[in-house]
Amino acid sequence: MLVIEDVLTTGGSTRETIQVAKAAGGLVVAAAAIVDRSGGAAPFDVPFEALLEVDLPTYEADACPLCARGEPVAKPGSRPVVA
């Protein structure tokens, strides 16, 4: 079985999917992503490949240049923001 993600940021969704597949008796042989924006910080226990690696900066709230300019900040992605 191959687990494929569209955009990988932390690897959390991919790790969860791998765990579910293994718990159901699947043999996960590798993981992949179309875009990897993790900076290599998303380790897996199976081989991983991405078609494109993108380095996007992240900032703490007090050092964010967008915040300093008063621009609204949005969290894109498929997971809801929990306050």
PDB file of N, CA and C in Angstrom:
ATOM      1  N   MET A   1       0.837  -1.157   0.000  1.00  0.00           N
ATOM      2  CA  MET A   1       0.000   0.000   0.000  1.00  0.00           C
ATOM      3  C   MET A   1       0.894   1.235   0.000  1.00  0.00           C
ATOM      4  N   LEU A   2       0.498   2.233  -0.747  1.00  0.00           N
ATOM      5  CA  LEU A   2       1.207   3.505  -0.811  1.00  0.00           C
ATOM      6  C   LEU A   2       0.276   4.589  -0.291  1.00  0.00           C
ATOM      7  N   VAL A   3       0.733   5.376   0.676  1.00  0.00           N
ATOM      8  CA  VAL A   3      -0.055   6.476   1.230  1.00  0.00           C
ATOM      9  C   VAL A   3       0.427   7.766   0.567  1.00  0.00           C
ATOM     10  N   ILE A   4      -0.507   8.486  -0.065  1.00  0.00           N
ATOM     11  CA  ILE A   4      -0.144   9.704  -0.788  1.00  0.00           C
ATOM     12  C   ILE A   4      -0.934  10.886  -0.244  1.00  0.00           C
ATOM     13  N   GLU A   5      -0.223  11.976   0.016  1.00  0.00           N
ATOM     14  CA  GLU A   5      -0.777  13.227   0.542  1.00  0.00           C
ATOM     15  C   GLU A   5      -0.665  14.288  -0.546  1.00  0.00           C
ATOM     16  N   ASP A   6      -1.597  15.227  -0.583  1.00  0.00           N
ATOM     17  CA  ASP A   6      -1.457  16.319  -1.547  1.00  0.00           C
ATOM     18  C   ASP A   6      -0.359  17.284  -1.091  1.00  0.00           C
ATOM     19  N   VAL A   7      -0.552  17.928   0.057  1.00  0.00           N
ATOM     20  CA  VAL A   7       0.454  18.845   0.604  1.00  0.00           C
ATOM     21  C   VAL A   7       0.815  18.381   2.005  1.00  0.00           C
ATOM     22  N   LEU A   8       2.078  18.094   2.221  1.00  0.00           N
ATOM     23  CA  LEU A   8       2.557  17.623   3.513  1.00  0.00           C
ATOM     24  C   LEU A   8       3.190  18.803   4.256  1.00  0.00           C
ATOM     25  N   THR A   9       2.710  19.069   5.464  1.00  0.00           N
ATOM     26  CA  THR A   9       3.281  20.154   6.264  1.00  0.00           C
ATOM     27  C   THR A   9       3.964  19.582   7.496  1.00  0.00           C
ATOM     28  N   THR A  10       3.199  18.927   8.351  1.00  0.00           N
ATOM     29  CA  THR A  10       3.796  18.329   9.555  1.00  0.00           C
ATOM     30  C   THR A  10       3.916  16.818   9.435  1.00  0.00           C
ATOM     31  N   GLY A  11       3.168  16.222   8.525  1.00  0.00           N
ATOM     32  CA  GLY A  11       3.162  14.778   8.373  1.00  0.00           C
ATOM     33  C   GLY A  11       2.133  14.087   9.242  1.00  0.00           C
ATOM     34  N   GLY A  12       1.399  14.850  10.047  1.00  0.00           N
ATOM     35  CA  GLY A  12       0.426  14.264  10.967  1.00  0.00           C
ATOM     36  C   GLY A  12      -0.641  13.433  10.272  1.00  0.00           C
ATOM     37  N   SER A  13      -1.232  13.960   9.218  1.00  0.00           N
ATOM     38  CA  SER A  13      -2.284  13.227   8.506  1.00  0.00           C
ATOM     39  C   SER A  13      -1.729  11.963   7.868  1.00  0.00           C
ATOM     40  N   THR A  14      -0.535  12.054   7.323  1.00  0.00           N
ATOM     41  CA  THR A  14       0.084  10.884   6.688  1.00  0.00           C
ATOM     42  C   THR A  14       0.383   9.819   7.732  1.00  0.00           C
ATOM     43  N   ARG A  15       0.937  10.207   8.884  1.00  0.00           N
ATOM     44  CA  ARG A  15       1.209   9.235   9.954  1.00  0.00           C
ATOM     45  C   ARG A  15      -0.085   8.576  10.441  1.00  0.00           C
ATOM     46  N   GLU A  16      -1.151   9.383  10.597  1.00  0.00           N
ATOM     47  CA  GLU A  16      -2.441   8.832  11.021  1.00  0.00           C
ATOM     48  C   GLU A  16      -2.958   7.810  10.012  1.00  0.00           C
ATOM     49  N   THR A  17      -2.852   8.137   8.727  1.00  0.00           N
ATOM     50  CA  THR A  17      -3.325   7.231   7.678  1.00  0.00           C
ATOM     51  C   THR A  17      -2.514   5.945   7.667  1.00  0.00           C
ATOM     52  N   ILE A  18      -1.209   6.058   7.844  1.00  0.00           N
ATOM     53  CA  ILE A  18      -0.349   4.866   7.909  1.00  0.00           C
ATOM     54  C   ILE A  18      -0.761   3.988   9.092  1.00  0.00           C
ATOM     55  N   GLN A  19      -1.005   4.597  10.252  1.00  0.00           N
ATOM     56  CA  GLN A  19      -1.408   3.834  11.435  1.00  0.00           C
ATOM     57  C   GLN A  19      -2.740   3.122  11.214  1.00  0.00           C
ATOM     58  N   VAL A  20      -3.708   3.802  10.606  1.00  0.00           N
ATOM     59  CA  VAL A  20      -5.018   3.198  10.353  1.00  0.00           C
ATOM     60  C   VAL A  20      -4.880   2.033   9.383  1.00  0.00           C
ATOM     61  N   ALA A  21      -4.095   2.229   8.326  1.00  0.00           N
ATOM     62  CA  ALA A  21      -3.900   1.159   7.344  1.00  0.00           C
ATOM     63  C   ALA A  21      -3.249  -0.063   7.994  1.00  0.00           C
ATOM     64  N   LYS A  22      -2.225   0.162   8.811  1.00  0.00           N
ATOM     65  CA  LYS A  22      -1.553  -0.950   9.480  1.00  0.00           C
ATOM     66  C   LYS A  22      -2.485  -1.644  10.473  1.00  0.00           C
ATOM     67  N   ALA A  23      -3.287  -0.856  11.201  1.00  0.00           N
ATOM     68  CA  ALA A  23      -4.220  -1.436  12.169  1.00  0.00           C
ATOM     69  C   ALA A  23      -5.267  -2.305  11.476  1.00  0.00           C
ATOM     70  N   ALA A  24      -5.569  -1.995  10.227  1.00  0.00           N
ATOM     71  CA  ALA A  24      -6.539  -2.779   9.463  1.00  0.00           C
ATOM     72  C   ALA A  24      -5.880  -3.957   8.751  1.00  0.00           C
ATOM     73  N   GLY A  25      -4.586  -4.162   8.989  1.00  0.00           N
ATOM     74  CA  GLY A  25      -3.888  -5.289   8.393  1.00  0.00           C
ATOM     75  C   GLY A  25      -3.163  -4.973   7.099  1.00  0.00           C
ATOM     76  N   GLY A  26      -3.135  -3.703   6.725  1.00  0.00           N
ATOM     77  CA  GLY A  26      -2.452  -3.315   5.496  1.00  0.00           C
ATOM     78  C   GLY A  26      -0.941  -3.272   5.666  1.00  0.00           C
ATOM     79  N   LEU A  27      -0.249  -3.446   4.570  1.00  0.00           N
ATOM     80  CA  LEU A  27       1.207  -3.341   4.550  1.00  0.00           C
ATOM     81  C   LEU A  27       1.563  -2.058   3.809  1.00  0.00           C
ATOM     82  N   VAL A  28       1.955  -1.038   4.539  1.00  0.00           N
ATOM     83  CA  VAL A  28       2.326   0.242   3.933  1.00  0.00           C
ATOM     84  C   VAL A  28       3.800   0.158   3.564  1.00  0.00           C
ATOM     85  N   VAL A  29       4.091   0.270   2.269  1.00  0.00           N
ATOM     86  CA  VAL A  29       5.468   0.127   1.801  1.00  0.00           C
ATOM     87  C   VAL A  29       6.161   1.469   1.589  1.00  0.00           C
ATOM     88  N   ALA A  30       5.371   2.559   1.451  1.00  0.00           N
ATOM     89  CA  ALA A  30       5.972   3.878   1.248  1.00  0.00           C
ATOM     90  C   ALA A  30       4.905   4.952   1.402  1.00  0.00           C
ATOM     91  N   ALA A  31       5.367   6.204   1.532  1.00  0.00           N
ATOM     92  CA  ALA A  31       4.489   7.366   1.573  1.00  0.00           C
ATOM     93  C   ALA A  31       5.019   8.380   0.577  1.00  0.00           C
ATOM     94  N   ALA A  32       4.124   9.225   0.079  1.00  0.00           N
ATOM     95  CA  ALA A  32       4.527  10.234  -0.891  1.00  0.00           C
ATOM     96  C   ALA A  32       3.635  11.456  -0.750  1.00  0.00           C
ATOM     97  N   ALA A  33       4.103  12.560  -1.308  1.00  0.00           N
ATOM     98  CA  ALA A  33       3.314  13.787  -1.342  1.00  0.00           C
ATOM     99  C   ALA A  33       3.555  14.477  -2.674  1.00  0.00           C
ATOM    100  N   ILE A  34       2.559  15.209  -3.108  1.00  0.00           N
ATOM    101  CA  ILE A  34       2.764  16.035  -4.297  1.00  0.00           C
ATOM    102  C   ILE A  34       3.698  17.182  -3.914  1.00  0.00           C
ATOM    103  N   VAL A  35       3.380  17.857  -2.797  1.00  0.00           N
ATOM    104  CA  VAL A  35       4.203  18.966  -2.307  1.00  0.00           C
ATOM    105  C   VAL A  35       4.612  18.691  -0.867  1.00  0.00           C
ATOM    106  N   ASP A  36       5.886  18.805  -0.580  1.00  0.00           N
ATOM    107  CA  ASP A  36       6.415  18.663   0.777  1.00  0.00           C
ATOM    108  C   ASP A  36       6.888  20.026   1.242  1.00  0.00           C
ATOM    109  N   ARG A  37       6.187  20.590   2.209  1.00  0.00           N
ATOM    110  CA  ARG A  37       6.612  21.874   2.770  1.00  0.00           C
ATOM    111  C   ARG A  37       7.076  21.734   4.215  1.00  0.00           C
ATOM    112  N   SER A  38       7.478  20.489   4.581  1.00  0.00           N
ATOM    113  CA  SER A  38       7.897  20.210   5.955  1.00  0.00           C
ATOM    114  C   SER A  38       9.338  20.606   6.229  1.00  0.00           C
ATOM    115  N   GLY A  39      10.109  20.858   5.194  1.00  0.00           N
ATOM    116  CA  GLY A  39      11.523  21.137   5.393  1.00  0.00           C
ATOM    117  C   GLY A  39      12.289  19.899   5.850  1.00  0.00           C
ATOM    118  N   GLY A  40      11.758  18.743   5.550  1.00  0.00           N
ATOM    119  CA  GLY A  40      12.412  17.498   5.950  1.00  0.00           C
ATOM    120  C   GLY A  40      12.151  17.107   7.388  1.00  0.00           C
ATOM    121  N   ALA A  41      11.229  17.812   8.049  1.00  0.00           N
ATOM    122  CA  ALA A  41      10.985  17.581   9.472  1.00  0.00           C
ATOM    123  C   ALA A  41       9.828  16.628   9.737  1.00  0.00           C
ATOM    124  N   ALA A  42       9.390  15.876   8.729  1.00  0.00           N
ATOM    125  CA  ALA A  42       8.273  14.955   8.913  1.00  0.00           C
ATOM    126  C   ALA A  42       8.756  13.530   8.681  1.00  0.00           C
ATOM    127  N   PRO A  43       9.356  12.907   9.693  1.00  0.00           N
ATOM    128  CA  PRO A  43       9.891  11.549   9.520  1.00  0.00           C
ATOM    129  C   PRO A  43       8.778  10.497   9.517  1.00  0.00           C
ATOM    130  N   PHE A  44       8.996   9.456   8.738  1.00  0.00           N
ATOM    131  CA  PHE A  44       8.072   8.328   8.678  1.00  0.00           C
ATOM    132  C   PHE A  44       8.877   7.048   8.870  1.00  0.00           C
ATOM    133  N   ASP A  45       8.177   5.956   9.197  1.00  0.00           N
ATOM    134  CA  ASP A  45       8.860   4.676   9.343  1.00  0.00           C
ATOM    135  C   ASP A  45       8.824   3.869   8.049  1.00  0.00           C
ATOM    136  N   VAL A  46       8.461   4.530   6.945  1.00  0.00           N
ATOM    137  CA  VAL A  46       8.504   3.943   5.599  1.00  0.00           C
ATOM    138  C   VAL A  46       9.199   4.957   4.690  1.00  0.00           C
ATOM    139  N   PRO A  47       9.720   4.540   3.548  1.00  0.00           N
ATOM    140  CA  PRO A  47      10.341   5.496   2.625  1.00  0.00           C
ATOM    141  C   PRO A  47       9.349   6.580   2.206  1.00  0.00           C
ATOM    142  N   PHE A  48       9.856   7.792   2.002  1.00  0.00           N
ATOM    143  CA  PHE A  48       9.011   8.933   1.623  1.00  0.00           C
ATOM    144  C   PHE A  48       9.633   9.674   0.450  1.00  0.00           C
ATOM    145  N   GLU A  49       8.793  10.068  -0.506  1.00  0.00           N
ATOM    146  CA  GLU A  49       9.220  10.877  -1.645  1.00  0.00           C
ATOM    147  C   GLU A  49       8.177  11.955  -1.916  1.00  0.00           C
ATOM    148  N   ALA A  50       8.616  13.082  -2.456  1.00  0.00           N
ATOM    149  CA  ALA A  50       7.711  14.158  -2.856  1.00  0.00           C
ATOM    150  C   ALA A  50       8.084  14.621  -4.261  1.00  0.00           C
ATOM    151  N   LEU A  51       7.076  15.068  -5.003  1.00  0.00           N
ATOM    152  CA  LEU A  51       7.332  15.593  -6.341  1.00  0.00           C
ATOM    153  C   LEU A  51       7.979  16.975  -6.283  1.00  0.00           C
ATOM    154  N   LEU A  52       7.617  17.748  -5.243  1.00  0.00           N
ATOM    155  CA  LEU A  52       8.111  19.117  -5.123  1.00  0.00           C
ATOM    156  C   LEU A  52       8.334  19.441  -3.658  1.00  0.00           C
ATOM    157  N   GLU A  53       9.497  20.015  -3.346  1.00  0.00           N
ATOM    158  CA  GLU A  53       9.756  20.497  -1.985  1.00  0.00           C
ATOM    159  C   GLU A  53       9.705  22.016  -2.011  1.00  0.00           C
ATOM    160  N   VAL A  54       8.925  22.594  -1.104  1.00  0.00           N
ATOM    161  CA  VAL A  54       8.749  24.042  -1.040  1.00  0.00           C
ATOM    162  C   VAL A  54       9.134  24.511   0.355  1.00  0.00           C
ATOM    163  N   ASP A  55      10.012  25.501   0.419  1.00  0.00           N
ATOM    164  CA  ASP A  55      10.438  26.061   1.696  1.00  0.00           C
ATOM    165  C   ASP A  55       9.648  27.338   1.951  1.00  0.00           C
ATOM    166  N   LEU A  56       8.667  27.258   2.850  1.00  0.00           N
ATOM    167  CA  LEU A  56       7.851  28.417   3.205  1.00  0.00           C
ATOM    168  C   LEU A  56       8.177  28.825   4.628  1.00  0.00           C
ATOM    169  N   PRO A  57       8.493  30.092   4.838  1.00  0.00           N
ATOM    170  CA  PRO A  57       8.853  30.529   6.189  1.00  0.00           C
ATOM    171  C   PRO A  57       7.651  30.501   7.130  1.00  0.00           C
ATOM    172  N   THR A  58       7.923  30.216   8.393  1.00  0.00           N
ATOM    173  CA  THR A  58       6.920  30.319   9.450  1.00  0.00           C
ATOM    174  C   THR A  58       7.471  31.250  10.521  1.00  0.00           C
ATOM    175  N   TYR A  59       6.570  31.893  11.242  1.00  0.00           N
ATOM    176  CA  TYR A  59       6.973  32.885  12.233  1.00  0.00           C
ATOM    177  C   TYR A  59       6.185  32.701  13.513  1.00  0.00           C
ATOM    178  N   GLU A  60       6.798  33.012  14.630  1.00  0.00           N
ATOM    179  CA  GLU A  60       6.059  33.133  15.884  1.00  0.00           C
ATOM    180  C   GLU A  60       5.202  34.393  15.762  1.00  0.00           C
ATOM    181  N   ALA A  61       4.088  34.428  16.477  1.00  0.00           N
ATOM    182  CA  ALA A  61       3.151  35.549  16.347  1.00  0.00           C
ATOM    183  C   ALA A  61       3.804  36.907  16.598  1.00  0.00           C
ATOM    184  N   ASP A  62       4.712  36.971  17.568  1.00  0.00           N
ATOM    185  CA  ASP A  62       5.334  38.255  17.905  1.00  0.00           C
ATOM    186  C   ASP A  62       6.425  38.671  16.908  1.00  0.00           C
ATOM    187  N   ALA A  63       6.789  37.800  15.974  1.00  0.00           N
ATOM    188  CA  ALA A  63       7.816  38.129  14.984  1.00  0.00           C
ATOM    189  C   ALA A  63       7.272  38.074  13.555  1.00  0.00           C
ATOM    190  N   CYS A  64       5.977  37.968  13.403  1.00  0.00           N
ATOM    191  CA  CYS A  64       5.361  37.818  12.091  1.00  0.00           C
ATOM    192  C   CYS A  64       5.304  39.164  11.357  1.00  0.00           C
ATOM    193  N   PRO A  65       5.944  39.256  10.179  1.00  0.00           N
ATOM    194  CA  PRO A  65       5.906  40.509   9.440  1.00  0.00           C
ATOM    195  C   PRO A  65       4.512  40.853   8.937  1.00  0.00           C
ATOM    196  N   LEU A  66       3.676  39.867   8.654  1.00  0.00           N
ATOM    197  CA  LEU A  66       2.295  40.147   8.236  1.00  0.00           C
ATOM    198  C   LEU A  66       1.516  40.776   9.389  1.00  0.00           C
ATOM    199  N   CYS A  67       1.710  40.236  10.600  1.00  0.00           N
ATOM    200  CA  CYS A  67       1.043  40.791  11.781  1.00  0.00           C
ATOM    201  C   CYS A  67       1.510  42.224  12.033  1.00  0.00           C
ATOM    202  N   ALA A  68       2.798  42.468  11.874  1.00  0.00           N
ATOM    203  CA  ALA A  68       3.353  43.804  12.104  1.00  0.00           C
ATOM    204  C   ALA A  68       2.749  44.824  11.133  1.00  0.00           C
ATOM    205  N   ARG A  69       2.389  44.357   9.921  1.00  0.00           N
ATOM    206  CA  ARG A  69       1.774  45.249   8.935  1.00  0.00           C
ATOM    207  C   ARG A  69       0.260  45.322   9.090  1.00  0.00           C
ATOM    208  N   GLY A  70      -0.283  44.592  10.043  1.00  0.00           N
ATOM    209  CA  GLY A  70      -1.722  44.610  10.283  1.00  0.00           C
ATOM    210  C   GLY A  70      -2.519  43.778   9.284  1.00  0.00           C
ATOM    211  N   GLU A  71      -1.850  42.885   8.560  1.00  0.00           N
ATOM    212  CA  GLU A  71      -2.547  42.050   7.586  1.00  0.00           C
ATOM    213  C   GLU A  71      -3.230  40.887   8.303  1.00  0.00           C
ATOM    214  N   PRO A  72      -4.426  40.510   7.842  1.00  0.00           N
ATOM    215  CA  PRO A  72      -5.102  39.385   8.492  1.00  0.00           C
ATOM    216  C   PRO A  72      -4.343  38.087   8.241  1.00  0.00           C
ATOM    217  N   VAL A  73      -4.368  37.216   9.237  1.00  0.00           N
ATOM    218  CA  VAL A  73      -3.676  35.934   9.141  1.00  0.00           C
ATOM    219  C   VAL A  73      -4.738  34.840   9.072  1.00  0.00           C
ATOM    220  N   ALA A  74      -4.575  33.924   8.106  1.00  0.00           N
ATOM    221  CA  ALA A  74      -5.493  32.804   7.956  1.00  0.00           C
ATOM    222  C   ALA A  74      -4.700  31.517   7.988  1.00  0.00           C
ATOM    223  N   LYS A  75      -5.276  30.476   8.545  1.00  0.00           N
ATOM    224  CA  LYS A  75      -4.632  29.172   8.576  1.00  0.00           C
ATOM    225  C   LYS A  75      -5.260  28.317   7.491  1.00  0.00           C
ATOM    226  N   PRO A  76      -4.555  28.134   6.378  1.00  0.00           N
ATOM    227  CA  PRO A  76      -5.110  27.273   5.335  1.00  0.00           C
ATOM    228  C   PRO A  76      -4.945  25.809   5.712  1.00  0.00           C
ATOM    229  N   GLY A  77      -5.638  24.976   5.033  1.00  0.00           N
ATOM    230  CA  GLY A  77      -5.507  23.545   5.272  1.00  0.00           C
ATOM    231  C   GLY A  77      -6.829  22.895   5.559  1.00  0.00           C
ATOM    232  N   SER A  78      -6.792  21.606   5.755  1.00  0.00           N
ATOM    233  CA  SER A  78      -8.012  20.841   5.922  1.00  0.00           C
ATOM    234  C   SER A  78      -8.411  20.646   7.373  1.00  0.00           C
ATOM    235  N   ARG A  79      -7.556  21.000   8.286  1.00  0.00           N
ATOM    236  CA  ARG A  79      -7.885  20.805   9.701  1.00  0.00           C
ATOM    237  C   ARG A  79      -8.425  22.101  10.281  1.00  0.00           C
ATOM    238  N   PRO A  80      -9.528  22.021  11.042  1.00  0.00           N
ATOM    239  CA  PRO A  80     -10.102  23.236  11.622  1.00  0.00           C
ATOM    240  C   PRO A  80      -9.203  23.818  12.709  1.00  0.00           C
ATOM    241  N   VAL A  81      -9.277  25.126  12.845  1.00  0.00           N
ATOM    242  CA  VAL A  81      -8.531  25.805  13.899  1.00  0.00           C
ATOM    243  C   VAL A  81      -9.332  25.691  15.182  1.00  0.00           C
ATOM    244  N   VAL A  82      -8.701  25.209  16.244  1.00  0.00           N
ATOM    245  CA  VAL A  82      -9.364  25.057  17.533  1.00  0.00           C
ATOM    246  C   VAL A  82      -8.807  26.124  18.454  1.00  0.00           C
ATOM    247  N   ALA A  83      -9.701  26.978  18.943  1.00  0.00           N
ATOM    248  CA  ALA A  83      -9.263  28.075  19.821  1.00  0.00           C
ATOM    249  C   ALA A  83      -9.286  27.666  21.253  1.00  0.00           C
TER     250      ALA A  83
END
